[in-house]
PDB file of N, CA and C in Angstrom:
ATOM      1  N   MET A   1     -32.321 104.112-108.184  1.00  0.00           N
ATOM      2  CA  MET A   1     -31.871 104.956-109.206  1.00  0.00           C
ATOM      3  C   MET A   1     -32.956 106.195-109.336  1.00  0.00           C
ATOM      4  N   ARG A   2     -32.370 107.378-109.303  1.00  0.00           N
ATOM      5  CA  ARG A   2     -33.303 108.564-109.492  1.00  0.00           C
ATOM      6  C   ARG A   2     -33.755 108.710-110.916  1.00  0.00           C
ATOM      7  N   LYS A   3     -34.968 109.191-111.071  1.00  0.00           N
ATOM      8  CA  LYS A   3     -35.512 109.516-112.400  1.00  0.00           C
ATOM      9  C   LYS A   3     -35.734 110.946-112.470  1.00  0.00           C
ATOM     10  N   VAL A   4     -35.228 111.548-113.546  1.00  0.00           N
ATOM     11  CA  VAL A   4     -35.327 113.039-113.689  1.00  0.00           C
ATOM     12  C   VAL A   4     -35.868 113.319-115.129  1.00  0.00           C
ATOM     13  N   LEU A   5     -36.755 114.300-115.178  1.00  0.00           N
ATOM     14  CA  LEU A   5     -37.277 114.757-116.444  1.00  0.00           C
ATOM     15  C   LEU A   5     -36.713 116.175-116.722  1.00  0.00           C
ATOM     16  N   VAL A   6     -36.153 116.351-117.852  1.00  0.00           N
ATOM     17  CA  VAL A   6     -35.673 117.689-118.288  1.00  0.00           C
ATOM     18  C   VAL A   6     -36.630 118.256-119.336  1.00  0.00           C
ATOM     19  N   ILE A   7     -37.219 119.411-118.959  1.00  0.00           N
ATOM     20  CA  ILE A   7     -38.100 120.039-119.893  1.00  0.00           C
ATOM     21  C   ILE A   7     -37.507 121.358-120.333  1.00  0.00           C
ATOM     22  N   ASP A   8     -37.080 121.433-121.617  1.00  0.00           N
ATOM     23  CA  ASP A   8     -36.354 122.599-122.115  1.00  0.00           C
ATOM     24  C   ASP A   8     -36.577 122.605-123.633  1.00  0.00           C
ATOM     25  N   ASP A   9     -36.777 123.835-124.181  1.00  0.00           N
ATOM     26  CA  ASP A   9     -36.945 123.882-125.630  1.00  0.00           C
ATOM     27  C   ASP A   9     -35.666 123.775-126.426  1.00  0.00           C
ATOM     28  N   GLU A  10     -34.544 123.868-125.757  1.00  0.00           N
ATOM     29  CA  GLU A  10     -33.258 123.820-126.415  1.00  0.00           C
ATOM     30  C   GLU A  10     -32.705 122.410-126.391  1.00  0.00           C
ATOM     31  N   PRO A  11     -32.602 121.716-127.626  1.00  0.00           N
ATOM     32  CA  PRO A  11     -32.164 120.329-127.604  1.00  0.00           C
ATOM     33  C   PRO A  11     -30.730 120.176-127.014  1.00  0.00           C
ATOM     34  N   ASP A  12     -29.884 121.174-127.216  1.00  0.00           N
ATOM     35  CA  ASP A  12     -28.452 121.090-126.721  1.00  0.00           C
ATOM     36  C   ASP A  12     -28.487 121.022-125.164  1.00  0.00           C
ATOM     37  N   ILE A  13     -29.281 121.866-124.563  1.00  0.00           N
ATOM     38  CA  ILE A  13     -29.394 121.876-123.051  1.00  0.00           C
ATOM     39  C   ILE A  13     -29.883 120.571-122.572  1.00  0.00           C
ATOM     40  N   ARG A  14     -31.004 119.986-123.156  1.00  0.00           N
ATOM     41  CA  ARG A  14     -31.540 118.745-122.749  1.00  0.00           C
ATOM     42  C   ARG A  14     -30.447 117.626-122.883  1.00  0.00           C
ATOM     43  N   ALA A  15     -29.717 117.624-124.024  1.00  0.00           N
ATOM     44  CA  ALA A  15     -28.641 116.595-124.254  1.00  0.00           C
ATOM     45  C   ALA A  15     -27.559 116.615-123.262  1.00  0.00           C
ATOM     46  N   VAL A  16     -27.063 117.887-122.962  1.00  0.00           N
ATOM     47  CA  VAL A  16     -26.033 118.043-121.963  1.00  0.00           C
ATOM     48  C   VAL A  16     -26.455 117.618-120.597  1.00  0.00           C
ATOM     49  N   ALA A  17     -27.662 118.017-120.224  1.00  0.00           N
ATOM     50  CA  ALA A  17     -28.179 117.677-118.837  1.00  0.00           C
ATOM     51  C   ALA A  17     -28.398 116.094-118.797  1.00  0.00           C
ATOM     52  N   GLN A  18     -28.889 115.553-119.866  1.00  0.00           N
ATOM     53  CA  GLN A  18     -29.096 114.053-119.813  1.00  0.00           C
ATOM     54  C   GLN A  18     -27.708 113.319-119.647  1.00  0.00           C
ATOM     55  N   LEU A  19     -26.704 113.723-120.513  1.00  0.00           N
ATOM     56  CA  LEU A  19     -25.404 113.089-120.430  1.00  0.00           C
ATOM     57  C   LEU A  19     -24.836 113.305-119.102  1.00  0.00           C
ATOM     58  N   ALA A  20     -24.903 114.516-118.470  1.00  0.00           N
ATOM     59  CA  ALA A  20     -24.322 114.783-117.206  1.00  0.00           C
ATOM     60  C   ALA A  20     -24.967 113.941-116.143  1.00  0.00           C
ATOM     61  N   LEU A  21     -26.258 113.916-116.080  1.00  0.00           N
ATOM     62  CA  LEU A  21     -26.923 113.159-115.065  1.00  0.00           C
ATOM     63  C   LEU A  21     -26.869 111.676-115.191  1.00  0.00           C
ATOM     64  N   GLU A  22     -26.841 111.201-116.408  1.00  0.00           N
ATOM     65  CA  GLU A  22     -26.735 109.754-116.578  1.00  0.00           C
ATOM     66  C   GLU A  22     -25.289 109.252-116.349  1.00  0.00           C
ATOM     67  N   ASP A  23     -24.291 109.998-116.962  1.00  0.00           N
ATOM     68  CA  ASP A  23     -22.877 109.591-116.833  1.00  0.00           C
ATOM     69  C   ASP A  23     -22.266 109.829-115.478  1.00  0.00           C
ATOM     70  N   VAL A  24     -22.610 111.006-114.860  1.00  0.00           N
ATOM     71  CA  VAL A  24     -21.959 111.321-113.572  1.00  0.00           C
ATOM     72  C   VAL A  24     -22.689 110.630-112.437  1.00  0.00           C
ATOM     73  N   ALA A  25     -24.017 110.645-112.427  1.00  0.00           N
ATOM     74  CA  ALA A  25     -24.777 110.187-111.331  1.00  0.00           C
ATOM     75  C   ALA A  25     -25.473 108.817-111.559  1.00  0.00           C
ATOM     76  N   GLY A  26     -25.510 108.365-112.748  1.00  0.00           N
ATOM     77  CA  GLY A  26     -26.194 107.134-113.033  1.00  0.00           C
ATOM     78  C   GLY A  26     -27.729 107.191-112.983  1.00  0.00           C
ATOM     79  N   TRP A  27     -28.272 108.374-113.081  1.00  0.00           N
ATOM     80  CA  TRP A  27     -29.762 108.554-113.039  1.00  0.00           C
ATOM     81  C   TRP A  27     -30.343 108.263-114.369  1.00  0.00           C
ATOM     82  N   GLU A  28     -31.624 107.925-114.358  1.00  0.00           N
ATOM     83  CA  GLU A  28     -32.439 107.753-115.524  1.00  0.00           C
ATOM     84  C   GLU A  28     -33.003 109.072-115.923  1.00  0.00           C
ATOM     85  N   VAL A  29     -32.743 109.562-117.130  1.00  0.00           N
ATOM     86  CA  VAL A  29     -33.226 110.890-117.552  1.00  0.00           C
ATOM     87  C   VAL A  29     -34.071 110.798-118.815  1.00  0.00           C
ATOM     88  N   HIS A  30     -35.183 111.575-118.803  1.00  0.00           N
ATOM     89  CA  HIS A  30     -36.067 111.680-119.890  1.00  0.00           C
ATOM     90  C   HIS A  30     -36.104 113.115-120.336  1.00  0.00           C
ATOM     91  N   GLN A  31     -36.417 113.371-121.571  1.00  0.00           N
ATOM     92  CA  GLN A  31     -36.464 114.710-122.083  1.00  0.00           C
ATOM     93  C   GLN A  31     -37.804 115.072-122.719  1.00  0.00           C
ATOM     94  N   ALA A  32     -38.206 116.336-122.584  1.00  0.00           N
ATOM     95  CA  ALA A  32     -39.396 116.899-123.189  1.00  0.00           C
ATOM     96  C   ALA A  32     -38.965 118.239-123.788  1.00  0.00           C
ATOM     97  N   GLY A  33     -39.374 118.593-124.987  1.00  0.00           N
ATOM     98  CA  GLY A  33     -39.040 119.833-125.580  1.00  0.00           C
ATOM     99  C   GLY A  33     -40.064 120.998-125.462  1.00  0.00           C
ATOM    100  N   SER A  34     -41.135 120.743-124.704  1.00  0.00           N
ATOM    101  CA  SER A  34     -42.134 121.781-124.523  1.00  0.00           C
ATOM    102  C   SER A  34     -42.867 121.541-123.182  1.00  0.00           C
ATOM    103  N   GLY A  35     -43.615 122.547-122.733  1.00  0.00           N
ATOM    104  CA  GLY A  35     -44.397 122.416-121.551  1.00  0.00           C
ATOM    105  C   GLY A  35     -45.451 121.328-121.599  1.00  0.00           C
ATOM    106  N   PRO A  36     -46.261 121.380-122.714  1.00  0.00           N
ATOM    107  CA  PRO A  36     -47.326 120.352-122.790  1.00  0.00           C
ATOM    108  C   PRO A  36     -46.740 118.926-122.869  1.00  0.00           C
ATOM    109  N   GLU A  37     -45.642 118.738-123.622  1.00  0.00           N
ATOM    110  CA  GLU A  37     -45.047 117.427-123.691  1.00  0.00           C
ATOM    111  C   GLU A  37     -44.441 117.029-122.274  1.00  0.00           C
ATOM    112  N   GLY A  38     -43.891 117.910-121.649  1.00  0.00           N
ATOM    113  CA  GLY A  38     -43.287 117.682-120.310  1.00  0.00           C
ATOM    114  C   GLY A  38     -44.413 117.324-119.281  1.00  0.00           C
ATOM    115  N   ILE A  39     -45.547 118.001-119.342  1.00  0.00           N
ATOM    116  CA  ILE A  39     -46.658 117.712-118.470  1.00  0.00           C
ATOM    117  C   ILE A  39     -47.169 116.305-118.654  1.00  0.00           C
ATOM    118  N   ALA A  40     -47.363 115.935-119.934  1.00  0.00           N
ATOM    119  CA  ALA A  40     -47.863 114.576-120.230  1.00  0.00           C
ATOM    120  C   ALA A  40     -46.771 113.504-119.766  1.00  0.00           C
ATOM    121  N   MET A  41     -45.510 113.730-120.095  1.00  0.00           N
ATOM    122  CA  MET A  41     -44.468 112.848-119.707  1.00  0.00           C
ATOM    123  C   MET A  41     -44.359 112.653-118.181  1.00  0.00           C
ATOM    124  N   ALA A  42     -44.445 113.809-117.455  1.00  0.00           N
ATOM    125  CA  ALA A  42     -44.335 113.769-115.976  1.00  0.00           C
ATOM    126  C   ALA A  42     -45.415 112.872-115.421  1.00  0.00           C
ATOM    127  N   ALA A  43     -46.662 113.092-115.948  1.00  0.00           N
ATOM    128  CA  ALA A  43     -47.806 112.302-115.424  1.00  0.00           C
ATOM    129  C   ALA A  43     -47.608 110.784-115.712  1.00  0.00           C
ATOM    130  N   GLU A  44     -47.007 110.483-116.878  1.00  0.00           N
ATOM    131  CA  GLU A  44     -46.821 109.104-117.236  1.00  0.00           C
ATOM    132  C   GLU A  44     -45.683 108.450-116.472  1.00  0.00           C
ATOM    133  N   ARG A  45     -44.552 109.103-116.413  1.00  0.00           N
ATOM    134  CA  ARG A  45     -43.280 108.579-115.892  1.00  0.00           C
ATOM    135  C   ARG A  45     -43.051 108.764-114.409  1.00  0.00           C
ATOM    136  N   ARG A  46     -43.738 109.820-113.823  1.00  0.00           N
ATOM    137  CA  ARG A  46     -43.600 110.080-112.363  1.00  0.00           C
ATOM    138  C   ARG A  46     -42.174 110.218-111.948  1.00  0.00           C
ATOM    139  N   PRO A  47     -41.441 111.130-112.528  1.00  0.00           N
ATOM    140  CA  PRO A  47     -40.005 111.327-112.160  1.00  0.00           C
ATOM    141  C   PRO A  47     -39.803 111.764-110.669  1.00  0.00           C
ATOM    142  N   ASP A  48     -38.612 111.562-110.106  1.00  0.00           N
ATOM    143  CA  ASP A  48     -38.281 112.038-108.803  1.00  0.00           C
ATOM    144  C   ASP A  48     -38.122 113.528-108.752  1.00  0.00           C
ATOM    145  N   ALA A  49     -37.780 114.099-109.921  1.00  0.00           N
ATOM    146  CA  ALA A  49     -37.602 115.586-109.978  1.00  0.00           C
ATOM    147  C   ALA A  49     -37.775 116.026-111.434  1.00  0.00           C
ATOM    148  N   ILE A  50     -38.077 117.270-111.625  1.00  0.00           N
ATOM    149  CA  ILE A  50     -38.136 117.814-112.957  1.00  0.00           C
ATOM    150  C   ILE A  50     -37.242 119.069-113.037  1.00  0.00           C
ATOM    151  N   LEU A  51     -36.401 119.114-114.102  1.00  0.00           N
ATOM    152  CA  LEU A  51     -35.660 120.347-114.405  1.00  0.00           C
ATOM    153  C   LEU A  51     -36.384 121.044-115.403  1.00  0.00           C
ATOM    154  N   LEU A  52     -36.822 122.295-115.151  1.00  0.00           N
ATOM    155  CA  LEU A  52     -37.755 123.023-116.033  1.00  0.00           C
ATOM    156  C   LEU A  52     -37.216 124.367-116.398  1.00  0.00           C
ATOM    157  N   ASP A  53     -37.037 124.515-117.730  1.00  0.00           N
ATOM    158  CA  ASP A  53     -36.605 125.853-118.279  1.00  0.00           C
ATOM    159  C   ASP A  53     -37.690 126.881-118.097  1.00  0.00           C
ATOM    160  N   VAL A  54     -37.270 128.083-117.592  1.00  0.00           N
ATOM    161  CA  VAL A  54     -38.184 129.158-117.428  1.00  0.00           C
ATOM    162  C   VAL A  54     -38.649 129.779-118.670  1.00  0.00           C
ATOM    163  N   MET A  55     -37.750 130.061-119.624  1.00  0.00           N
ATOM    164  CA  MET A  55     -38.059 130.776-120.868  1.00  0.00           C
ATOM    165  C   MET A  55     -38.186 129.838-122.038  1.00  0.00           C
ATOM    166  N   MET A  56     -39.491 129.468-122.332  1.00  0.00           N
ATOM    167  CA  MET A  56     -39.815 128.570-123.493  1.00  0.00           C
ATOM    168  C   MET A  56     -40.909 129.294-124.321  1.00  0.00           C
ATOM    169  N   PRO A  57     -40.951 129.037-125.634  1.00  0.00           N
ATOM    170  CA  PRO A  57     -42.011 129.625-126.396  1.00  0.00           C
ATOM    171  C   PRO A  57     -43.290 128.898-126.099  1.00  0.00           C
ATOM    172  N   ASP A  58     -44.394 129.482-126.485  1.00  0.00           N
ATOM    173  CA  ASP A  58     -45.715 129.006-126.327  1.00  0.00           C
ATOM    174  C   ASP A  58     -46.043 128.866-124.767  1.00  0.00           C
ATOM    175  N   MET A  59     -45.831 127.776-124.178  1.00  0.00           N
ATOM    176  CA  MET A  59     -46.048 127.566-122.734  1.00  0.00           C
ATOM    177  C   MET A  59     -44.705 127.754-122.015  1.00  0.00           C
ATOM    178  N   ASP A  60     -44.568 128.811-121.282  1.00  0.00           N
ATOM    179  CA  ASP A  60     -43.285 129.096-120.562  1.00  0.00           C
ATOM    180  C   ASP A  60     -43.198 128.201-119.278  1.00  0.00           C
ATOM    181  N   GLY A  61     -42.042 128.271-118.638  1.00  0.00           N
ATOM    182  CA  GLY A  61     -41.805 127.559-117.449  1.00  0.00           C
ATOM    183  C   GLY A  61     -42.770 127.756-116.276  1.00  0.00           C
ATOM    184  N   PRO A  62     -43.065 129.058-115.948  1.00  0.00           N
ATOM    185  CA  PRO A  62     -43.994 129.306-114.854  1.00  0.00           C
ATOM    186  C   PRO A  62     -45.402 128.783-115.171  1.00  0.00           C
ATOM    187  N   THR A  63     -45.848 128.861-116.391  1.00  0.00           N
ATOM    188  CA  THR A  63     -47.135 128.288-116.738  1.00  0.00           C
ATOM    189  C   THR A  63     -47.143 126.754-116.687  1.00  0.00           C
ATOM    190  N   THR A  64     -46.040 126.180-117.141  1.00  0.00           N
ATOM    191  CA  THR A  64     -45.882 124.687-117.002  1.00  0.00           C
ATOM    192  C   THR A  64     -45.868 124.299-115.581  1.00  0.00           C
ATOM    193  N   LEU A  65     -45.104 125.008-114.722  1.00  0.00           N
ATOM    194  CA  LEU A  65     -45.003 124.687-113.294  1.00  0.00           C
ATOM    195  C   LEU A  65     -46.443 124.746-112.669  1.00  0.00           C
ATOM    196  N   LYS A  66     -47.193 125.744-113.045  1.00  0.00           N
ATOM    197  CA  LYS A  66     -48.572 125.839-112.440  1.00  0.00           C
ATOM    198  C   LYS A  66     -49.484 124.642-112.870  1.00  0.00           C
ATOM    199  N   GLU A  67     -49.367 124.275-114.137  1.00  0.00           N
ATOM    200  CA  GLU A  67     -50.100 123.103-114.619  1.00  0.00           C
ATOM    201  C   GLU A  67     -49.659 121.837-113.935  1.00  0.00           C
ATOM    202  N   LEU A  68     -48.321 121.643-113.719  1.00  0.00           N
ATOM    203  CA  LEU A  68     -47.873 120.452-113.069  1.00  0.00           C
ATOM    204  C   LEU A  68     -48.314 120.479-111.611  1.00  0.00           C
ATOM    205  N   ARG A  69     -48.382 121.558-110.922  1.00  0.00           N
ATOM    206  CA  ARG A  69     -48.787 121.653-109.544  1.00  0.00           C
ATOM    207  C   ARG A  69     -50.323 121.361-109.414  1.00  0.00           C
ATOM    208  N   ALA A  70     -51.118 121.703-110.452  1.00  0.00           N
ATOM    209  CA  ALA A  70     -52.542 121.542-110.509  1.00  0.00           C
ATOM    210  C   ALA A  70     -52.978 120.113-110.666  1.00  0.00           C
ATOM    211  N   GLN A  71     -52.102 119.291-111.162  1.00  0.00           N
ATOM    212  CA  GLN A  71     -52.471 117.867-111.389  1.00  0.00           C
ATOM    213  C   GLN A  71     -52.126 116.944-110.265  1.00  0.00           C
ATOM    214  N   PRO A  72     -53.040 116.065-109.858  1.00  0.00           N
ATOM    215  CA  PRO A  72     -52.696 115.134-108.694  1.00  0.00           C
ATOM    216  C   PRO A  72     -51.528 114.287-109.005  1.00  0.00           C
ATOM    217  N   GLU A  73     -51.313 113.859-110.274  1.00  0.00           N
ATOM    218  CA  GLU A  73     -50.203 112.939-110.610  1.00  0.00           C
ATOM    219  C   GLU A  73     -48.824 113.594-110.511  1.00  0.00           C
ATOM    220  N   THR A  74     -48.816 114.888-110.647  1.00  0.00           N
ATOM    221  CA  THR A  74     -47.505 115.630-110.709  1.00  0.00           C
ATOM    222  C   THR A  74     -47.377 116.701-109.641  1.00  0.00           C
ATOM    223  N   GLY A  75     -48.398 116.978-108.858  1.00  0.00           N
ATOM    224  CA  GLY A  75     -48.398 118.091-107.910  1.00  0.00           C
ATOM    225  C   GLY A  75     -47.352 118.049-106.840  1.00  0.00           C
ATOM    226  N   ASP A  76     -46.801 116.897-106.525  1.00  0.00           N
ATOM    227  CA  ASP A  76     -45.802 116.782-105.503  1.00  0.00           C
ATOM    228  C   ASP A  76     -44.398 116.521-105.959  1.00  0.00           C
ATOM    229  N   ILE A  77     -44.222 116.537-107.281  1.00  0.00           N
ATOM    230  CA  ILE A  77     -42.847 116.280-107.808  1.00  0.00           C
ATOM    231  C   ILE A  77     -41.979 117.522-107.599  1.00  0.00           C
ATOM    232  N   PRO A  78     -40.757 117.349-106.999  1.00  0.00           N
ATOM    233  CA  PRO A  78     -39.925 118.564-106.868  1.00  0.00           C
ATOM    234  C   PRO A  78     -39.490 119.085-108.261  1.00  0.00           C
ATOM    235  N   ILE A  79     -39.547 120.372-108.308  1.00  0.00           N
ATOM    236  CA  ILE A  79     -39.184 121.092-109.599  1.00  0.00           C
ATOM    237  C   ILE A  79     -38.049 122.058-109.370  1.00  0.00           C
ATOM    238  N   VAL A  80     -37.023 121.984-110.187  1.00  0.00           N
ATOM    239  CA  VAL A  80     -35.923 122.852-110.190  1.00  0.00           C
ATOM    240  C   VAL A  80     -35.969 123.645-111.453  1.00  0.00           C
ATOM    241  N   LEU A  81     -36.076 124.905-111.353  1.00  0.00           N
ATOM    242  CA  LEU A  81     -36.121 125.807-112.520  1.00  0.00           C
ATOM    243  C   LEU A  81     -34.775 126.055-113.038  1.00  0.00           C
ATOM    244  N   LEU A  82     -34.650 126.093-114.324  1.00  0.00           N
ATOM    245  CA  LEU A  82     -33.334 126.391-115.083  1.00  0.00           C
ATOM    246  C   LEU A  82     -33.510 127.735-115.754  1.00  0.00           C
ATOM    247  N   THR A  83     -32.653 128.711-115.416  1.00  0.00           N
ATOM    248  CA  THR A  83     -32.751 130.033-116.023  1.00  0.00           C
ATOM    249  C   THR A  83     -31.458 130.672-116.086  1.00  0.00           C
ATOM    250  N   ALA A  84     -31.283 131.517-117.106  1.00  0.00           N
ATOM    251  CA  ALA A  84     -30.018 132.374-117.215  1.00  0.00           C
ATOM    252  C   ALA A  84     -30.261 133.704-116.472  1.00  0.00           C
ATOM    253  N   LYS A  85     -31.463 133.890-115.970  1.00  0.00           N
ATOM    254  CA  LYS A  85     -31.774 135.300-115.389  1.00  0.00           C
ATOM    255  C   LYS A  85     -31.474 135.433-113.876  1.00  0.00           C
ATOM    256  N   VAL A  86     -31.240 134.342-113.121  1.00  0.00           N
ATOM    257  CA  VAL A  86     -31.025 134.493-111.611  1.00  0.00           C
ATOM    258  C   VAL A  86     -29.872 133.603-111.203  1.00  0.00           C
ATOM    259  N   HIS A  87     -29.556 133.811-109.946  1.00  0.00           N
ATOM    260  CA  HIS A  87     -28.502 132.976-109.343  1.00  0.00           C
ATOM    261  C   HIS A  87     -29.190 131.777-108.752  1.00  0.00           C
ATOM    262  N   GLU A  88     -28.333 130.735-108.404  1.00  0.00           N
ATOM    263  CA  GLU A  88     -28.848 129.480-107.811  1.00  0.00           C
ATOM    264  C   GLU A  88     -29.544 129.699-106.469  1.00  0.00           C
ATOM    265  N   GLY A  89     -30.514 128.853-106.230  1.00  0.00           N
ATOM    266  CA  GLY A  89     -31.214 128.920-104.953  1.00  0.00           C
ATOM    267  C   GLY A  89     -32.611 129.461-105.136  1.00  0.00           C
ATOM    268  N   PRO A  90     -33.480 129.253-104.122  1.00  0.00           N
ATOM    269  CA  PRO A  90     -34.796 129.810-104.290  1.00  0.00           C
ATOM    270  C   PRO A  90     -34.804 131.334-104.228  1.00  0.00           C
ATOM    271  N   THR A  91     -35.070 131.934-105.360  1.00  0.00           N
ATOM    272  CA  THR A  91     -34.884 133.350-105.569  1.00  0.00           C
ATOM    273  C   THR A  91     -36.120 134.114-105.954  1.00  0.00           C
ATOM    274  N   GLY A  92     -36.615 135.033-105.144  1.00  0.00           N
ATOM    275  CA  GLY A  92     -37.589 135.966-105.553  1.00  0.00           C
ATOM    276  C   GLY A  92     -38.824 135.346-106.101  1.00  0.00           C
ATOM    277  N   ASP A  93     -39.360 135.911-107.195  1.00  0.00           N
ATOM    278  CA  ASP A  93     -40.622 135.500-107.827  1.00  0.00           C
ATOM    279  C   ASP A  93     -40.536 134.113-108.284  1.00  0.00           C
ATOM    280  N   LEU A  94     -39.448 133.626-108.729  1.00  0.00           N
ATOM    281  CA  LEU A  94     -39.389 132.230-109.255  1.00  0.00           C
ATOM    282  C   LEU A  94     -39.632 131.261-108.123  1.00  0.00           C
ATOM    283  N   ALA A  95     -39.110 131.469-106.909  1.00  0.00           N
ATOM    284  CA  ALA A  95     -39.412 130.612-105.773  1.00  0.00           C
ATOM    285  C   ALA A  95     -40.815 130.674-105.396  1.00  0.00           C
ATOM    286  N   ASP A  96     -41.441 131.818-105.497  1.00  0.00           N
ATOM    287  CA  ASP A  96     -42.877 131.983-105.127  1.00  0.00           C
ATOM    288  C   ASP A  96     -43.789 131.142-106.046  1.00  0.00           C
ATOM    289  N   LEU A  97     -43.293 130.698-107.126  1.00  0.00           N
ATOM    290  CA  LEU A  97     -44.053 129.843-108.036  1.00  0.00           C
ATOM    291  C   LEU A  97     -44.289 128.442-107.543  1.00  0.00           C
ATOM    292  N   GLY A  98     -43.426 128.052-106.495  1.00  0.00           N
ATOM    293  CA  GLY A  98     -43.561 126.764-106.018  1.00  0.00           C
ATOM    294  C   GLY A  98     -42.460 125.767-106.400  1.00  0.00           C
ATOM    295  N   ALA A  99     -41.406 126.306-106.947  1.00  0.00           N
ATOM    296  CA  ALA A  99     -40.253 125.490-107.324  1.00  0.00           C
ATOM    297  C   ALA A  99     -39.389 125.313-105.993  1.00  0.00           C
ATOM    298  N   GLN A 100     -38.741 124.127-105.996  1.00  0.00           N
ATOM    299  CA  GLN A 100     -37.917 123.896-104.830  1.00  0.00           C
ATOM    300  C   GLN A 100     -36.580 124.659-104.958  1.00  0.00           C
ATOM    301  N   ALA A 101     -36.123 124.852-106.166  1.00  0.00           N
ATOM    302  CA  ALA A 101     -34.801 125.541-106.333  1.00  0.00           C
ATOM    303  C   ALA A 101     -34.701 126.145-107.708  1.00  0.00           C
ATOM    304  N   VAL A 102     -33.646 126.871-107.906  1.00  0.00           N
ATOM    305  CA  VAL A 102     -33.397 127.621-109.160  1.00  0.00           C
ATOM    306  C   VAL A 102     -31.871 127.325-109.475  1.00  0.00           C
ATOM    307  N   VAL A 103     -31.574 126.833-110.661  1.00  0.00           N
ATOM    308  CA  VAL A 103     -30.235 126.605-111.076  1.00  0.00           C
ATOM    309  C   VAL A 103     -29.968 127.577-112.321  1.00  0.00           C
ATOM    310  N   ALA A 104     -28.885 128.250-112.241  1.00  0.00           N
ATOM    311  CA  ALA A 104     -28.491 129.138-113.295  1.00  0.00           C
ATOM    312  C   ALA A 104     -27.963 128.382-114.452  1.00  0.00           C
ATOM    313  N   LYS A 105     -28.342 128.915-115.643  1.00  0.00           N
ATOM    314  CA  LYS A 105     -27.719 128.412-116.921  1.00  0.00           C
ATOM    315  C   LYS A 105     -26.741 129.460-117.354  1.00  0.00           C
ATOM    316  N   PRO A 106     -25.635 129.025-117.930  1.00  0.00           N
ATOM    317  CA  PRO A 106     -25.215 127.656-118.186  1.00  0.00           C
ATOM    318  C   PRO A 106     -24.781 127.031-116.894  1.00  0.00           C
ATOM    319  N   PHE A 107     -25.109 125.704-116.726  1.00  0.00           N
ATOM    320  CA  PHE A 107     -24.674 125.002-115.489  1.00  0.00           C
ATOM    321  C   PHE A 107     -23.424 124.163-115.898  1.00  0.00           C
ATOM    322  N   ASP A 108     -22.748 123.714-114.858  1.00  0.00           N
ATOM    323  CA  ASP A 108     -21.598 122.854-115.041  1.00  0.00           C
ATOM    324  C   ASP A 108     -22.006 121.432-115.060  1.00  0.00           C
ATOM    325  N   PRO A 109     -21.876 120.738-116.224  1.00  0.00           N
ATOM    326  CA  PRO A 109     -22.345 119.386-116.349  1.00  0.00           C
ATOM    327  C   PRO A 109     -21.730 118.385-115.366  1.00  0.00           C
ATOM    328  N   PHE A 110     -20.480 118.754-114.905  1.00  0.00           N
ATOM    329  CA  PHE A 110     -19.815 117.794-114.034  1.00  0.00           C
ATOM    330  C   PHE A 110     -20.302 117.939-112.565  1.00  0.00           C
ATOM    331  N   THR A 111     -20.898 118.987-112.285  1.00  0.00           N
ATOM    332  CA  THR A 111     -21.391 119.265-110.904  1.00  0.00           C
ATOM    333  C   THR A 111     -22.899 119.270-110.749  1.00  0.00           C
ATOM    334  N   LEU A 112     -23.614 119.155-111.993  1.00  0.00           N
ATOM    335  CA  LEU A 112     -25.078 119.314-112.005  1.00  0.00           C
ATOM    336  C   LEU A 112     -25.810 118.269-111.026  1.00  0.00           C
ATOM    337  N   ALA A 113     -25.451 117.002-111.093  1.00  0.00           N
ATOM    338  CA  ALA A 113     -26.066 116.035-110.243  1.00  0.00           C
ATOM    339  C   ALA A 113     -25.934 116.314-108.776  1.00  0.00           C
ATOM    340  N   GLY A 114     -24.657 116.691-108.398  1.00  0.00           N
ATOM    341  CA  GLY A 114     -24.447 117.020-107.018  1.00  0.00           C
ATOM    342  C   GLY A 114     -25.201 118.296-106.548  1.00  0.00           C
ATOM    343  N   GLN A 115     -25.207 119.275-107.432  1.00  0.00           N
ATOM    344  CA  GLN A 115     -26.006 120.451-107.154  1.00  0.00           C
ATOM    345  C   GLN A 115     -27.481 120.231-106.990  1.00  0.00           C
ATOM    346  N   ILE A 116     -28.089 119.372-107.889  1.00  0.00           N
ATOM    347  CA  ILE A 116     -29.528 119.012-107.724  1.00  0.00           C
ATOM    348  C   ILE A 116     -29.738 118.226-106.420  1.00  0.00           C
ATOM    349  N   SER A 117     -28.838 117.288-106.145  1.00  0.00           N
ATOM    350  CA  SER A 117     -28.924 116.479-104.899  1.00  0.00           C
ATOM    351  C   SER A 117     -28.942 117.368-103.651  1.00  0.00           C
ATOM    352  N   ARG A 118     -28.006 118.365-103.676  1.00  0.00           N
ATOM    353  CA  ARG A 118     -27.868 119.250-102.570  1.00  0.00           C
ATOM    354  C   ARG A 118     -29.144 120.134-102.446  1.00  0.00           C
ATOM    355  N   LEU A 119     -29.574 120.703-103.494  1.00  0.00           N
ATOM    356  CA  LEU A 119     -30.739 121.530-103.501  1.00  0.00           C
ATOM    357  C   LEU A 119     -32.029 120.877-103.053  1.00  0.00           C
ATOM    358  N   LEU A 120     -32.140 119.593-103.371  1.00  0.00           N
ATOM    359  CA  LEU A 120     -33.419 118.920-103.079  1.00  0.00           C
ATOM    360  C   LEU A 120     -33.245 117.992-101.795  1.00  0.00           C
ATOM    361  N   GLY A 121     -32.055 118.029-101.236  1.00  0.00           N
ATOM    362  CA  GLY A 121     -31.917 117.315-100.034  1.00  0.00           C
ATOM    363  C   GLY A 121     -31.849 115.788-100.141  1.00  0.00           C
ATOM    364  N   TRP A 122     -31.368 115.358-101.331  1.00  0.00           N
ATOM    365  CA  TRP A 122     -31.251 113.960-101.571  1.00  0.00           C
ATOM    366  C   TRP A 122     -29.924 113.431-101.031  1.00  0.00           C
ATOM    367  N   GLU A 123     -29.924 112.294-100.440  1.00  0.00           N
ATOM    368  CA  GLU A 123     -28.734 111.681 -99.903  1.00  0.00           C
ATOM    369  C   GLU A 123     -28.244 110.639-100.939  1.00  0.00           C
ATOM    370  N   ASP A 124     -27.034 110.719-101.299  1.00  0.00           N
ATOM    371  CA  ASP A 124     -26.398 109.762-102.282  1.00  0.00           C
ATOM    372  C   ASP A 124     -25.784 108.574-101.559  1.00  0.00           C
TER     373      ASP A 124
END
């Protein structure tokens, strides 16, 4: 079973992503509402992937990503950025940050698990 951590400051986005990934794909999903909370949770739970919102108050997605990459416990976890600002796929400056992929918000909850699997090269 895949384990995914969703880091997003919007509770509704976290809830939709969790329901979509648990119900559609049967994955184990954990949620964090901020960058610092997500960094701590990622180090503790060692998820298979992290869905990370780009635009968050206080510690934004790019800063959170840099912190995750700098820690030995989390440096190799695949990260998919969630943003309303770009199209899906590794795009421009966001891909340069070290994320494996970018998913546009709003995402389709019914296809999110397949989209993540495809972007990360996971075989179901």
